[in-house]
Protein backbone atom coordinates (compact mmCIF):
# COMPACT_ATOMS: atom_id res chain seq x y z
CA UNK A 1 16.56 -11.66 42.47
CA UNK A 2 15.19 -14.88 41.03
CA UNK A 3 11.68 -13.47 40.89
CA UNK A 4 12.81 -10.74 38.48
CA UNK A 5 12.54 -13.22 35.62
CA UNK A 6 8.86 -13.83 36.29
CA UNK A 7 8.15 -10.14 36.85
CA UNK A 8 9.84 -9.09 33.58
CA UNK A 9 8.19 -11.88 31.63
CA UNK A 10 4.76 -10.79 32.84
CA UNK A 11 5.42 -7.07 32.27
CA UNK A 12 4.25 -7.40 28.67
CA UNK A 13 0.72 -6.57 29.85
CA UNK A 14 1.75 -2.93 30.14
CA UNK A 15 2.81 -3.01 26.48
CA UNK A 16 -0.51 -4.57 25.52
CA UNK A 17 -2.37 -1.72 27.20
CA UNK A 18 -0.22 0.87 25.43
CA UNK A 19 -0.69 -0.55 21.93
CA UNK A 20 -4.22 0.78 21.64
CA UNK A 21 -7.70 -0.55 21.08
CA UNK A 22 -7.68 -0.58 17.28
CA UNK A 23 -4.20 -1.95 16.71
CA UNK A 24 -4.25 -4.37 19.66
CA UNK A 25 -6.60 -6.99 18.26
CA UNK A 26 -5.05 -7.76 14.84
CA UNK A 27 -1.51 -7.42 16.16
CA UNK A 28 -2.09 -9.79 19.09
CA UNK A 29 -3.95 -12.24 16.88
CA UNK A 30 -1.07 -12.26 14.42
CA UNK A 31 1.47 -12.68 17.23
CA UNK A 32 -0.56 -15.52 18.66
CA UNK A 33 -0.76 -17.15 15.24
CA UNK A 34 3.01 -16.80 14.67
CA UNK A 35 3.84 -18.10 18.13
CA UNK A 36 1.38 -20.97 17.91
CA UNK A 37 2.73 -21.96 14.49
CA UNK A 38 6.20 -22.41 15.99
CA UNK A 39 4.94 -24.55 18.88
CA UNK A 40 1.82 -26.49 17.86
CA UNK A 41 -0.37 -27.72 20.68
CA UNK A 42 -2.23 -30.98 20.51
CA UNK A 43 -5.96 -30.44 20.77
CA UNK A 44 -8.99 -32.62 20.54
CA UNK A 45 -11.08 -33.05 17.43
CA UNK A 46 -13.84 -30.88 18.80
CA UNK A 47 -11.56 -27.96 19.65
CA UNK A 48 -9.91 -28.17 16.20
CA UNK A 49 -13.31 -27.94 14.55
CA UNK A 50 -14.14 -24.90 16.66
CA UNK A 51 -10.85 -23.27 15.64
CA UNK A 52 -11.57 -23.96 11.99
CA UNK A 53 -14.98 -22.35 12.30
CA UNK A 54 -13.54 -19.33 14.13
CA UNK A 55 -12.17 -17.12 11.37
CA UNK A 56 -9.68 -14.30 11.73
CA UNK A 57 -12.43 -11.71 11.28
CA UNK A 58 -14.43 -13.25 14.11
CA UNK A 59 -11.34 -13.34 16.32
CA UNK A 60 -10.65 -9.66 15.64
CA UNK A 61 -14.31 -8.87 16.30
CA UNK A 62 -14.06 -10.67 19.65
CA UNK A 63 -10.94 -8.68 20.51
CA UNK A 64 -12.71 -5.43 19.62
CA UNK A 65 -15.69 -6.37 21.76
CA UNK A 66 -13.38 -7.21 24.68
CA UNK A 67 -11.54 -3.90 24.26
CA UNK A 68 -14.83 -2.00 24.28
CA UNK A 69 -15.75 -3.71 27.54
CA UNK A 70 -12.44 -3.34 29.38
CA UNK A 71 -11.08 -0.14 27.77
CA UNK A 72 -14.30 1.55 26.66
CA UNK A 73 -15.54 5.00 27.67
CA UNK A 74 -17.63 3.53 30.52
CA UNK A 75 -14.56 2.47 32.48
CA UNK A 76 -13.09 4.81 35.08
CA UNK A 77 -9.43 4.92 34.06
CA UNK A 78 -8.54 7.23 36.96
CA UNK A 79 -9.78 5.11 39.85
CA UNK A 80 -9.53 1.78 38.05
CA UNK A 81 -6.57 1.96 35.66
CA UNK A 82 -5.36 -1.13 33.76
CA UNK A 83 -3.27 -3.24 36.12
CA UNK A 84 0.27 -3.95 35.02
CA UNK A 85 2.72 -6.26 36.73
CA UNK A 86 5.88 -4.57 37.93
CA UNK A 87 9.11 -5.27 36.11
CA UNK A 88 10.94 -6.15 39.33
CA UNK A 89 9.86 -7.40 42.75
CA UNK A 90 8.89 -5.02 45.57
CA UNK A 91 11.65 -3.80 47.91
CA UNK A 92 12.47 -6.03 50.87
CA UNK A 93 14.34 -5.96 54.15
CA UNK A 94 16.61 -8.70 55.41
CA UNK A 95 16.43 -10.18 51.92
CA UNK A 96 12.93 -11.70 52.15
CA UNK A 97 10.56 -9.53 54.25
CA UNK A 98 8.54 -7.05 52.09
CA UNK A 99 8.99 -3.37 52.80
CA UNK A 100 5.21 -2.92 52.82
CA UNK A 101 5.00 -4.97 56.02
CA UNK A 102 7.33 -2.59 57.81
CA UNK A 103 5.36 0.40 56.53
CA UNK A 104 2.14 -1.22 57.78
CA UNK A 105 3.54 -1.64 61.32
CA UNK A 106 5.27 1.76 61.29
CA UNK A 107 2.04 3.72 61.82
CA UNK A 108 1.08 1.52 64.80
CA UNK A 109 4.28 0.39 66.51
CA UNK A 110 6.98 2.71 65.24
CA UNK A 111 10.32 1.78 63.72
CA UNK A 112 11.20 -1.10 66.09
CA UNK A 113 7.74 -2.69 66.02
CA UNK A 114 8.30 -5.11 63.11
CA UNK A 115 11.66 -6.22 64.53
CA UNK A 116 10.22 -6.72 68.03
CA UNK A 117 7.33 -8.67 66.55
CA UNK A 118 9.68 -10.91 64.56
CA UNK A 119 12.02 -11.56 67.49
CA UNK A 120 9.09 -12.12 69.86
CA UNK A 121 7.45 -14.56 67.48
CA UNK A 122 10.72 -16.45 67.09
CA UNK A 123 11.18 -16.51 70.90
CA UNK A 124 7.62 -17.76 71.38
CA UNK A 125 8.11 -20.59 68.87
CA UNK A 126 11.38 -21.64 70.51
CA UNK A 127 10.17 -21.33 74.13
CA UNK A 128 6.99 -23.32 73.52
CA UNK A 129 9.01 -25.84 71.52
CA UNK A 130 6.78 -25.33 68.52
CA UNK A 131 9.97 -24.96 66.53
CA UNK A 132 12.28 -27.66 67.88
CA UNK A 133 16.02 -27.16 67.38
CA UNK A 134 17.65 -30.46 66.45
CA UNK A 135 20.98 -31.53 65.05
CA UNK A 136 19.88 -30.66 61.48
CA UNK A 137 19.42 -26.99 62.42
CA UNK A 138 23.04 -26.30 61.58
CA UNK A 139 22.34 -27.28 57.99
CA UNK A 140 19.48 -24.80 57.93
CA UNK A 141 21.65 -21.98 59.21
CA UNK A 142 24.57 -22.85 56.96
CA UNK A 143 22.27 -23.09 53.91
CA UNK A 144 20.74 -19.67 54.37
CA UNK A 145 24.11 -18.16 55.31
CA UNK A 146 25.62 -19.53 52.14
CA UNK A 147 22.59 -18.36 50.16
CA UNK A 148 22.98 -14.85 51.60
CA UNK A 149 26.69 -14.75 50.73
CA UNK A 150 26.03 -15.96 47.18
CA UNK A 151 23.21 -13.45 46.77
CA UNK A 152 25.44 -10.60 47.91
CA UNK A 153 28.40 -11.65 45.80
CA UNK A 154 26.82 -13.02 42.64
CA UNK A 155 23.27 -11.71 42.87
CA UNK A 156 23.80 -8.79 40.48
CA UNK A 157 25.50 -11.02 37.90
CA UNK A 158 22.80 -13.67 38.07
CA UNK A 159 20.10 -11.01 37.93
CA UNK A 160 21.70 -9.42 34.86
CA UNK A 161 21.90 -12.84 33.21
CA UNK A 162 18.22 -13.56 33.83
CA UNK A 163 17.32 -10.06 32.69
CA UNK A 164 19.17 -10.75 29.45
CA UNK A 165 17.39 -14.09 29.06
CA UNK A 166 14.04 -12.46 29.75
CA UNK A 167 14.74 -9.70 27.24
CA UNK A 168 15.69 -12.32 24.66
CA UNK A 169 12.50 -14.31 25.26
CA UNK A 170 10.40 -11.17 25.11
CA UNK A 171 12.19 -10.03 21.96
CA UNK A 172 11.69 -13.39 20.21
CA UNK A 173 8.13 -14.12 21.28
CA UNK A 174 6.62 -10.64 21.61
CA UNK A 175 8.54 -7.57 20.45
CA UNK A 176 9.90 -9.00 17.18
CA UNK A 177 6.61 -10.63 16.08
CA UNK A 178 4.76 -7.46 17.09
CA UNK A 179 7.10 -5.24 15.07
CA UNK A 180 6.91 -7.63 12.13
CA UNK A 181 3.12 -7.70 12.29
CA UNK A 182 2.87 -3.93 12.57
CA UNK A 183 5.32 -3.48 9.69
CA UNK A 184 3.30 -5.88 7.54
CA UNK A 185 0.09 -4.08 8.50
CA UNK A 186 1.64 -0.70 7.65
CA UNK A 187 2.89 -2.10 4.33
CA UNK A 188 -0.61 -3.37 3.55
CA UNK A 189 -2.08 0.00 4.50
CA UNK A 190 0.43 1.83 2.28
CA UNK A 191 -0.29 -0.56 -0.58
CA UNK A 192 -4.02 -0.03 -0.11
CA UNK A 193 -3.55 3.75 -0.06
CA UNK A 194 -1.41 3.51 -3.21
CA UNK A 195 -4.07 1.39 -4.92
CA UNK A 196 -6.75 3.87 -3.83
CA UNK A 197 -4.64 6.72 -5.25
CA UNK A 198 -4.22 4.80 -8.48
CA UNK A 199 -7.93 4.12 -8.54
CA UNK A 200 -8.60 7.85 -8.25
CA UNK A 201 -6.44 8.38 -11.33
CA UNK A 202 -8.49 5.92 -13.37
CA UNK A 203 -11.07 8.59 -14.19
CA UNK A 204 -8.36 10.78 -15.72
CA UNK A 205 -7.05 7.77 -17.60
CA UNK A 206 -10.54 7.02 -18.92
CA UNK A 207 -10.95 10.64 -20.00
CA UNK A 208 -7.57 10.55 -21.77
CA UNK A 209 -8.50 7.29 -23.50
CA UNK A 210 -11.87 8.72 -24.48
CA UNK A 211 -10.19 11.81 -25.95
CA UNK A 212 -7.69 9.57 -27.73
CA UNK A 213 -10.53 7.54 -29.25
CA UNK A 214 -12.30 10.77 -30.26
CA UNK A 215 -9.11 11.98 -31.93
CA UNK A 216 -8.75 8.67 -33.76
CA UNK A 217 -12.35 8.88 -34.92
CA UNK A 218 -11.81 12.46 -36.04
CA UNK A 219 -8.64 11.44 -37.89
CA UNK A 220 -10.43 8.58 -39.66
CA UNK A 221 -13.32 10.90 -40.50
CA UNK A 222 -11.00 13.52 -41.99
CA UNK A 223 -9.08 10.83 -43.90
CA UNK A 224 -12.28 9.42 -45.37
CA UNK A 225 -13.50 12.93 -46.12
CA UNK A 226 -10.26 13.61 -48.02
CA UNK A 227 -10.66 10.30 -49.89
CA UNK A 228 -14.22 11.23 -50.86
CA UNK A 229 -13.09 14.68 -51.96
CA UNK A 230 -10.32 13.17 -54.09
CA UNK A 231 -12.67 10.62 -55.62
CA UNK A 232 -15.26 13.28 -56.46
CA UNK A 233 -12.54 15.55 -57.88
CA UNK A 234 -11.28 12.72 -60.08
CA UNK A 235 -14.78 12.05 -61.39
CA UNK A 236 -15.39 15.73 -62.05
CA UNK A 237 -12.02 16.02 -63.80
CA UNK A 238 -12.91 12.97 -65.87
CA UNK A 239 -16.26 14.52 -66.77
CA UNK A 240 -14.55 17.80 -67.70
CA UNK A 241 -12.04 15.91 -69.87
CA UNK A 242 -14.88 14.06 -71.56
CA UNK A 243 -16.76 17.31 -72.23
CA UNK A 244 -13.58 19.04 -73.47
CA UNK A 245 -12.75 16.12 -75.77
CA UNK A 246 -16.31 16.10 -77.08
CA UNK A 247 -16.27 19.85 -77.80
CA UNK A 248 -12.82 19.58 -79.42
CA UNK A 249 -13.93 16.76 -81.68
CA UNK A 250 -17.12 18.62 -82.59
CA UNK A 251 -15.15 21.77 -83.36
CA UNK A 252 -12.64 19.91 -85.50
CA UNK A 253 -15.45 18.13 -87.29
CA UNK A 254 -17.26 21.45 -87.90
CA UNK A 255 -14.07 23.10 -89.23
CA UNK A 256 -13.33 20.18 -91.53
CA UNK A 257 -16.94 20.13 -92.74
CA UNK A 258 -16.96 23.89 -93.46
CA UNK A 259 -13.62 23.68 -95.27
CA UNK A 260 -14.81 20.72 -97.27
CA UNK A 261 -18.03 22.51 -98.17
CA UNK A 262 -16.17 25.68 -99.21
CA UNK A 263 -13.73 23.66 -101.26
CA UNK A 264 -16.57 21.78 -102.88
CA UNK A 265 -18.36 25.08 -103.63
CA UNK A 266 -15.41 26.48 -105.69
CA UNK A 267 -15.60 25.56 -109.39
CA UNK A 268 -12.51 24.91 -111.58
CA UNK A 269 -13.07 28.15 -113.45
CA UNK A 270 -13.30 30.15 -110.23
CA UNK A 271 -10.18 28.48 -109.03
CA UNK A 272 -8.32 29.40 -112.20
CA UNK A 273 -9.58 32.99 -112.07
CA UNK A 274 -8.63 33.27 -108.46
CA UNK A 275 -5.19 31.89 -109.17
CA UNK A 276 -4.68 34.34 -112.02
CA UNK A 277 -5.85 37.20 -109.83
CA UNK A 278 -3.35 36.23 -107.17
CA UNK A 279 -0.49 36.10 -109.68
CA UNK A 280 -1.44 39.51 -111.01
CA UNK A 281 -1.50 40.97 -107.54
CA UNK A 282 1.91 39.54 -106.82
CA UNK A 283 3.26 41.11 -109.97
CA UNK A 284 1.87 44.49 -109.06
CA UNK A 285 3.45 44.17 -105.68
CA UNK A 286 6.76 43.20 -107.25
CA UNK A 287 6.79 46.20 -109.68
CA UNK A 288 8.99 49.01 -108.26
CA UNK A 289 7.29 52.34 -107.79
CA UNK A 290 8.92 55.56 -109.18
CA UNK A 291 10.58 57.81 -106.61
CA UNK A 292 8.70 60.94 -105.69
CA UNK A 293 10.01 64.24 -107.24
């Protein structure tokens, strides 16, 4: 009953073997670090220097090397499996004699052999006065009788209490830190995978940025090309306006010069004759013509 506490506390070795070679080292190191941080142990100066020199990577490497030795492919897991302490004690008879002893004597002496051996041994000790019965023997008998009665009446309750205490200790110092460490490791792995996925998308981002820069360059090029076209058009329009103004001025000057020369070439007499001729023509045009017969 009372040994169940020790058996359950030591049963964590089976969980260690089931965690796996790769996940065992960092998880156990983290658990050890969390547990040791809660309960610091006083060490000498030399051991503290050694711990400072021993980094986490070296500790994990040592765990991996140990796993390769004890759980590597060279080990025969069938004939030499990892030993794990039982959760409870082995079955007993009479409250304290292991069942394995009875099974050992069963093949040689039968069913009554262990009992005959026990009674004979007790008789030999009493007859040879190796075990002397004195007045304090009643205390011995009463103690074990009371212990047997308490074990029968309250053994299950006490065992359940110690099982609960053991589960609480294991939960606080092993299961909870292990789950926390594994959750943190999984979170780090997910974050690393997310960062790797983001890193894969960087090439597409660079291509998009490069295309964006090319579009900006093309836009600036077209804008400057339009500005050059507009500037050239303005200069050509200005040149055309200058040429048109020059031709217009030359034409007006030529017309005025010709008119002036013609006017200068007409004498006063020719002007009077021309004026008289015009008046005569107007009179002829004003004279009514006779109607046709």
